[in-house]
């Protein structure tokens, strides 16, 4: 089901790109094309390409929401590593903690010992 919605989503995206590129430039935001009265004329008449653009955009948003819902439904509460089936040894499964004697402050002025990370 998810693959079908994804293919429809991709086709809608390609169709939306094509329809938008076929439309006439009205804003003149790039300084090219369009007419002089685009900003002054108010609302222009809805063309067939404009209506198709709206339909494809609404369908694209609907498939985006559907893909999000399908992905959330299929998501598991486990890690990707758990899905691989690799067993983690018990010694590596524990989270290392910093020793209590170490502090996070910088070394003192007279302390010339090298700063070597502790590997446990």
N, C-alpha and C. Protein backbone atom coordinates (compact mmCIF):
# COMPACT_ATOMS: atom_id res chain seq x y z
N UNK A 1 0.83 -1.20 0.00
CA UNK A 1 0.00 0.00 0.00
C UNK A 1 0.87 1.26 0.00
N UNK A 2 1.92 1.20 0.81
CA UNK A 2 2.80 2.36 0.90
C UNK A 2 3.51 2.63 -0.43
N UNK A 3 3.88 1.57 -1.12
CA UNK A 3 4.55 1.73 -2.42
C UNK A 3 3.62 2.35 -3.46
N UNK A 4 2.36 1.97 -3.44
CA UNK A 4 1.39 2.52 -4.39
C UNK A 4 1.21 4.02 -4.14
N UNK A 5 1.07 4.40 -2.88
CA UNK A 5 0.89 5.82 -2.55
C UNK A 5 2.16 6.59 -2.90
N UNK A 6 3.33 5.97 -2.69
CA UNK A 6 4.58 6.64 -3.01
C UNK A 6 4.73 6.86 -4.51
N UNK A 7 4.34 5.89 -5.32
CA UNK A 7 4.40 6.06 -6.78
C UNK A 7 3.44 7.15 -7.24
N UNK A 8 2.22 7.17 -6.68
CA UNK A 8 1.26 8.23 -7.00
C UNK A 8 1.82 9.59 -6.59
N UNK A 9 2.46 9.64 -5.43
CA UNK A 9 3.06 10.88 -4.92
C UNK A 9 4.14 11.39 -5.88
N UNK A 10 4.99 10.48 -6.35
CA UNK A 10 6.04 10.89 -7.29
C UNK A 10 5.46 11.36 -8.63
N UNK A 11 4.44 10.68 -9.12
CA UNK A 11 3.80 11.11 -10.36
C UNK A 11 3.13 12.48 -10.20
N UNK A 12 2.51 12.70 -9.05
CA UNK A 12 1.92 14.01 -8.79
C UNK A 12 2.99 15.10 -8.73
N UNK A 13 4.12 14.79 -8.13
CA UNK A 13 5.21 15.77 -8.04
C UNK A 13 5.72 16.13 -9.43
N UNK A 14 5.93 15.11 -10.26
CA UNK A 14 6.40 15.39 -11.63
C UNK A 14 5.35 16.16 -12.43
N UNK A 15 4.08 15.80 -12.28
CA UNK A 15 3.00 16.52 -12.96
C UNK A 15 2.90 17.95 -12.50
N UNK A 16 3.06 18.17 -11.20
CA UNK A 16 2.99 19.52 -10.65
C UNK A 16 4.14 20.37 -11.17
N UNK A 17 5.33 19.79 -11.25
CA UNK A 17 6.47 20.53 -11.80
C UNK A 17 6.21 20.91 -13.26
N UNK A 18 5.71 19.95 -14.03
CA UNK A 18 5.44 20.22 -15.45
C UNK A 18 4.39 21.28 -15.65
N UNK A 19 3.30 21.21 -14.89
CA UNK A 19 2.21 22.19 -15.03
C UNK A 19 2.68 23.59 -14.63
N UNK A 20 3.45 23.68 -13.56
CA UNK A 20 3.93 24.99 -13.13
C UNK A 20 4.88 25.59 -14.16
N UNK A 21 5.71 24.74 -14.77
CA UNK A 21 6.63 25.26 -15.78
C UNK A 21 5.93 25.68 -17.06
N UNK A 22 4.76 25.12 -17.35
CA UNK A 22 4.03 25.48 -18.56
C UNK A 22 3.25 26.79 -18.41
N UNK A 23 3.04 27.24 -17.17
CA UNK A 23 2.24 28.45 -16.97
C UNK A 23 3.02 29.69 -17.35
N UNK A 24 2.26 30.72 -17.69
CA UNK A 24 2.85 32.00 -18.07
C UNK A 24 3.27 32.74 -16.81
N UNK A 25 4.43 33.38 -16.87
CA UNK A 25 4.91 34.17 -15.75
C UNK A 25 4.09 35.44 -15.65
N UNK A 26 3.47 35.68 -14.50
CA UNK A 26 2.63 36.87 -14.34
C UNK A 26 3.22 37.88 -13.37
N UNK A 27 4.05 37.42 -12.46
CA UNK A 27 4.53 38.32 -11.43
C UNK A 27 5.67 39.21 -11.88
N UNK A 28 6.49 38.72 -12.77
CA UNK A 28 7.64 39.51 -13.18
C UNK A 28 8.66 39.63 -12.07
N UNK A 29 8.67 38.65 -11.15
CA UNK A 29 9.59 38.71 -10.02
C UNK A 29 11.04 38.61 -10.44
N UNK A 30 11.31 37.96 -11.57
CA UNK A 30 12.67 37.85 -12.05
C UNK A 30 13.01 38.95 -13.05
N UNK A 31 12.06 39.77 -13.34
CA UNK A 31 12.30 40.85 -14.28
C UNK A 31 12.15 40.43 -15.72
N UNK A 32 11.63 39.23 -15.96
CA UNK A 32 11.46 38.77 -17.33
C UNK A 32 10.02 38.30 -17.52
N UNK A 33 9.56 38.34 -18.72
CA UNK A 33 8.24 37.81 -19.06
C UNK A 33 7.10 38.57 -18.38
N UNK A 34 5.91 38.05 -18.56
CA UNK A 34 4.74 38.64 -17.92
C UNK A 34 4.32 39.93 -18.59
N UNK A 35 3.28 40.50 -18.06
CA UNK A 35 2.78 41.75 -18.61
C UNK A 35 2.98 42.87 -17.60
N UNK A 36 2.72 44.07 -18.05
CA UNK A 36 2.91 45.22 -17.17
C UNK A 36 1.80 45.35 -16.15
N UNK A 37 0.63 44.81 -16.42
CA UNK A 37 -0.49 45.02 -15.52
C UNK A 37 -0.74 43.87 -14.56
N UNK A 38 0.22 43.02 -14.36
CA UNK A 38 0.02 41.85 -13.51
C UNK A 38 -0.26 42.20 -12.06
N UNK A 39 0.47 43.16 -11.51
CA UNK A 39 0.31 43.51 -10.11
C UNK A 39 -0.86 44.46 -9.90
N UNK A 40 -1.23 45.21 -10.92
CA UNK A 40 -2.26 46.22 -10.79
C UNK A 40 -3.64 45.66 -11.13
N UNK A 41 -3.69 44.64 -11.95
CA UNK A 41 -4.95 44.16 -12.48
C UNK A 41 -5.83 43.46 -11.45
N UNK A 42 -5.31 43.17 -10.28
CA UNK A 42 -6.11 42.48 -9.28
C UNK A 42 -6.11 40.99 -9.53
N UNK A 43 -7.28 40.35 -9.41
CA UNK A 43 -7.36 38.91 -9.59
C UNK A 43 -7.62 38.57 -11.06
N UNK A 44 -6.77 37.69 -11.58
CA UNK A 44 -6.95 37.32 -12.98
C UNK A 44 -7.92 36.14 -13.08
N UNK A 45 -8.40 35.89 -14.26
CA UNK A 45 -9.33 34.79 -14.49
C UNK A 45 -8.62 33.45 -14.30
N UNK A 46 -9.32 32.49 -13.73
CA UNK A 46 -8.75 31.17 -13.51
C UNK A 46 -8.66 30.43 -14.83
N UNK A 47 -7.46 30.00 -15.16
CA UNK A 47 -7.26 29.27 -16.40
C UNK A 47 -7.30 27.77 -16.10
N UNK A 48 -7.30 26.99 -17.17
CA UNK A 48 -7.31 25.54 -16.99
C UNK A 48 -6.03 25.07 -16.30
N UNK A 49 -4.90 25.68 -16.67
CA UNK A 49 -3.64 25.30 -16.03
C UNK A 49 -3.64 25.67 -14.54
N UNK A 50 -4.27 26.78 -14.21
CA UNK A 50 -4.37 27.18 -12.81
C UNK A 50 -5.20 26.20 -12.00
N UNK A 51 -6.32 25.75 -12.59
CA UNK A 51 -7.18 24.78 -11.90
C UNK A 51 -6.47 23.44 -11.73
N UNK A 52 -5.76 23.01 -12.79
CA UNK A 52 -5.03 21.74 -12.69
C UNK A 52 -3.92 21.84 -11.65
N UNK A 53 -3.29 23.01 -11.56
CA UNK A 53 -2.25 23.21 -10.56
C UNK A 53 -2.83 23.04 -9.16
N UNK A 54 -3.98 23.65 -8.91
CA UNK A 54 -4.61 23.53 -7.59
C UNK A 54 -4.99 22.08 -7.29
N UNK A 55 -5.53 21.39 -8.26
CA UNK A 55 -5.93 19.99 -8.05
C UNK A 55 -4.72 19.12 -7.75
N UNK A 56 -3.64 19.30 -8.53
CA UNK A 56 -2.43 18.51 -8.29
C UNK A 56 -1.79 18.86 -6.94
N UNK A 57 -1.82 20.14 -6.58
CA UNK A 57 -1.24 20.54 -5.30
C UNK A 57 -2.01 19.94 -4.13
N UNK A 58 -3.34 19.94 -4.21
CA UNK A 58 -4.15 19.36 -3.13
C UNK A 58 -3.93 17.86 -3.06
N UNK A 59 -3.86 17.20 -4.23
CA UNK A 59 -3.60 15.76 -4.24
C UNK A 59 -2.21 15.45 -3.70
N UNK A 60 -1.23 16.29 -4.01
CA UNK A 60 0.14 16.10 -3.51
C UNK A 60 0.18 16.21 -1.99
N UNK A 61 -0.53 17.19 -1.44
CA UNK A 61 -0.57 17.35 0.02
C UNK A 61 -1.27 16.16 0.67
N UNK A 62 -2.35 15.67 0.05
CA UNK A 62 -3.07 14.51 0.59
C UNK A 62 -2.20 13.26 0.59
N UNK A 63 -1.44 13.04 -0.49
CA UNK A 63 -0.56 11.87 -0.50
C UNK A 63 0.59 12.04 0.49
N UNK A 64 1.05 13.27 0.71
CA UNK A 64 2.08 13.51 1.72
C UNK A 64 1.58 13.13 3.10
N UNK A 65 0.37 13.54 3.42
CA UNK A 65 -0.22 13.20 4.72
C UNK A 65 -0.44 11.69 4.82
N UNK A 66 -0.91 11.07 3.74
CA UNK A 66 -1.13 9.62 3.75
C UNK A 66 0.19 8.87 3.96
N UNK A 67 1.26 9.31 3.32
CA UNK A 67 2.56 8.66 3.51
C UNK A 67 3.06 8.84 4.93
N UNK A 68 2.80 9.99 5.52
CA UNK A 68 3.20 10.21 6.91
C UNK A 68 2.44 9.29 7.85
N UNK A 69 1.15 9.13 7.63
CA UNK A 69 0.34 8.24 8.47
C UNK A 69 0.78 6.80 8.30
N UNK A 70 1.03 6.37 7.06
CA UNK A 70 1.48 5.00 6.82
C UNK A 70 2.85 4.73 7.44
N UNK A 71 3.74 5.69 7.36
CA UNK A 71 5.06 5.51 7.96
C UNK A 71 4.99 5.44 9.48
N UNK A 72 4.11 6.25 10.07
CA UNK A 72 3.97 6.23 11.53
C UNK A 72 3.33 4.92 11.99
N UNK A 73 2.41 4.39 11.21
CA UNK A 73 1.76 3.14 11.56
C UNK A 73 2.73 1.97 11.47
N UNK A 74 3.62 2.00 10.47
CA UNK A 74 4.56 0.91 10.27
C UNK A 74 5.81 1.04 11.12
N UNK A 75 6.00 2.17 11.78
CA UNK A 75 7.19 2.36 12.60
C UNK A 75 7.10 1.50 13.85
N UNK A 76 8.22 0.89 14.16
CA UNK A 76 8.29 0.06 15.37
C UNK A 76 9.01 0.83 16.46
N UNK A 77 8.81 0.42 17.67
CA UNK A 77 9.47 1.06 18.80
C UNK A 77 10.87 0.53 19.03
N UNK A 78 11.41 -0.19 18.07
CA UNK A 78 12.74 -0.76 18.24
C UNK A 78 13.74 -0.01 17.38
N UNK A 79 14.99 -0.28 17.63
CA UNK A 79 16.07 0.34 16.89
C UNK A 79 16.31 -0.40 15.59
N UNK A 80 16.99 0.25 14.67
CA UNK A 80 17.35 -0.39 13.41
C UNK A 80 18.32 -1.53 13.67
N UNK A 81 19.19 -1.37 14.65
CA UNK A 81 20.15 -2.42 15.01
C UNK A 81 19.40 -3.65 15.51
N UNK A 82 18.31 -3.45 16.25
CA UNK A 82 17.52 -4.58 16.74
C UNK A 82 16.88 -5.34 15.58
N UNK A 83 16.54 -4.64 14.52
CA UNK A 83 15.91 -5.28 13.37
C UNK A 83 16.91 -6.09 12.55
N UNK A 84 18.21 -5.80 12.68
CA UNK A 84 19.23 -6.54 11.96
C UNK A 84 19.43 -7.95 12.52
N UNK A 85 19.12 -8.14 13.77
CA UNK A 85 19.27 -9.44 14.40
C UNK A 85 20.66 -9.67 14.96
N UNK A 86 21.46 -8.61 15.07
CA UNK A 86 22.81 -8.74 15.62
C UNK A 86 22.72 -8.67 17.13
N UNK A 87 23.30 -9.67 17.78
CA UNK A 87 23.31 -9.70 19.24
C UNK A 87 24.42 -8.80 19.76
N UNK A 88 24.11 -7.93 20.70
CA UNK A 88 25.10 -7.06 21.32
C UNK A 88 25.57 -7.75 22.60
N UNK A 89 26.90 -7.93 22.75
CA UNK A 89 27.39 -8.55 23.99
C UNK A 89 26.99 -7.74 25.21
N UNK A 90 26.84 -8.42 26.34
CA UNK A 90 26.37 -7.76 27.56
C UNK A 90 27.36 -6.70 28.03
N UNK A 91 28.65 -6.89 27.76
CA UNK A 91 29.64 -5.91 28.21
C UNK A 91 29.51 -4.60 27.44
N UNK A 92 29.07 -4.66 26.17
CA UNK A 92 28.90 -3.45 25.37
C UNK A 92 27.52 -2.83 25.52
N UNK A 93 26.60 -3.57 26.09
CA UNK A 93 25.22 -3.08 26.20
C UNK A 93 25.08 -2.03 27.29
N UNK A 94 25.97 -2.03 28.27
CA UNK A 94 25.86 -1.06 29.36
C UNK A 94 26.44 0.27 28.91
N UNK A 95 25.88 1.33 29.41
CA UNK A 95 26.34 2.67 29.07
C UNK A 95 27.47 3.04 30.02
N UNK A 96 28.63 3.43 29.47
CA UNK A 96 29.74 3.79 30.37
C UNK A 96 29.44 5.08 31.10
N UNK A 97 29.88 5.14 32.34
CA UNK A 97 29.69 6.34 33.14
C UNK A 97 31.06 6.89 33.51
N UNK A 98 31.13 8.18 33.71
CA UNK A 98 32.38 8.82 34.09
C UNK A 98 32.69 8.50 35.55
N UNK A 99 33.97 8.27 35.87
CA UNK A 99 34.33 8.03 37.26
C UNK A 99 33.98 9.24 38.12
N UNK A 100 33.69 8.99 39.38
CA UNK A 100 33.26 10.07 40.26
C UNK A 100 34.38 11.05 40.55
N UNK A 101 35.66 10.60 40.47
CA UNK A 101 36.77 11.48 40.79
C UNK A 101 37.04 12.50 39.69
N UNK A 102 36.67 12.20 38.47
CA UNK A 102 36.91 13.14 37.37
C UNK A 102 35.90 14.28 37.42
N UNK A 103 36.39 15.46 37.12
CA UNK A 103 35.48 16.60 37.03
C UNK A 103 35.54 17.14 35.61
N UNK A 104 34.60 17.94 35.28
CA UNK A 104 34.55 18.51 33.94
C UNK A 104 35.24 19.86 33.87
N UNK A 105 35.95 20.23 34.94
CA UNK A 105 36.65 21.50 34.95
C UNK A 105 37.98 21.37 34.22
N UNK A 106 38.52 22.46 33.69
CA UNK A 106 39.82 22.39 33.02
C UNK A 106 40.92 22.10 34.05
N UNK A 107 42.10 21.63 33.61
CA UNK A 107 43.18 21.33 34.55
C UNK A 107 43.68 22.59 35.24
N UNK A 108 44.27 22.37 36.40
CA UNK A 108 44.80 23.49 37.19
C UNK A 108 46.02 24.07 36.48
N UNK A 109 46.51 25.21 37.00
CA UNK A 109 47.62 25.91 36.35
C UNK A 109 48.90 25.09 36.33
N UNK A 110 49.23 24.41 37.38
CA UNK A 110 50.48 23.66 37.47
C UNK A 110 50.36 22.23 36.99
N UNK A 111 49.22 21.82 36.56
CA UNK A 111 49.01 20.42 36.15
C UNK A 111 49.51 20.25 34.71
N UNK A 112 50.63 19.50 34.57
CA UNK A 112 51.22 19.30 33.25
C UNK A 112 50.94 17.91 32.68
N UNK A 113 50.08 17.15 33.31
CA UNK A 113 49.79 15.80 32.85
C UNK A 113 49.05 15.86 31.51
N UNK A 114 49.39 14.93 30.60
CA UNK A 114 48.68 14.94 29.32
C UNK A 114 47.21 14.55 29.50
N UNK A 115 46.37 15.13 28.68
CA UNK A 115 44.95 14.83 28.73
C UNK A 115 44.65 13.66 27.81
N UNK A 116 44.58 12.48 28.37
CA UNK A 116 44.35 11.26 27.60
C UNK A 116 42.93 10.78 27.90
N UNK A 117 42.15 10.49 26.88
CA UNK A 117 40.80 10.00 27.15
C UNK A 117 40.85 8.62 27.80
N UNK A 118 39.89 8.37 28.67
CA UNK A 118 39.80 7.11 29.39
C UNK A 118 38.98 6.15 28.55
N UNK A 119 39.58 4.98 28.26
CA UNK A 119 38.87 3.95 27.52
C UNK A 119 38.53 2.80 28.45
N UNK A 120 37.29 2.48 28.56
CA UNK A 120 36.91 1.38 29.44
C UNK A 120 36.43 0.22 28.65
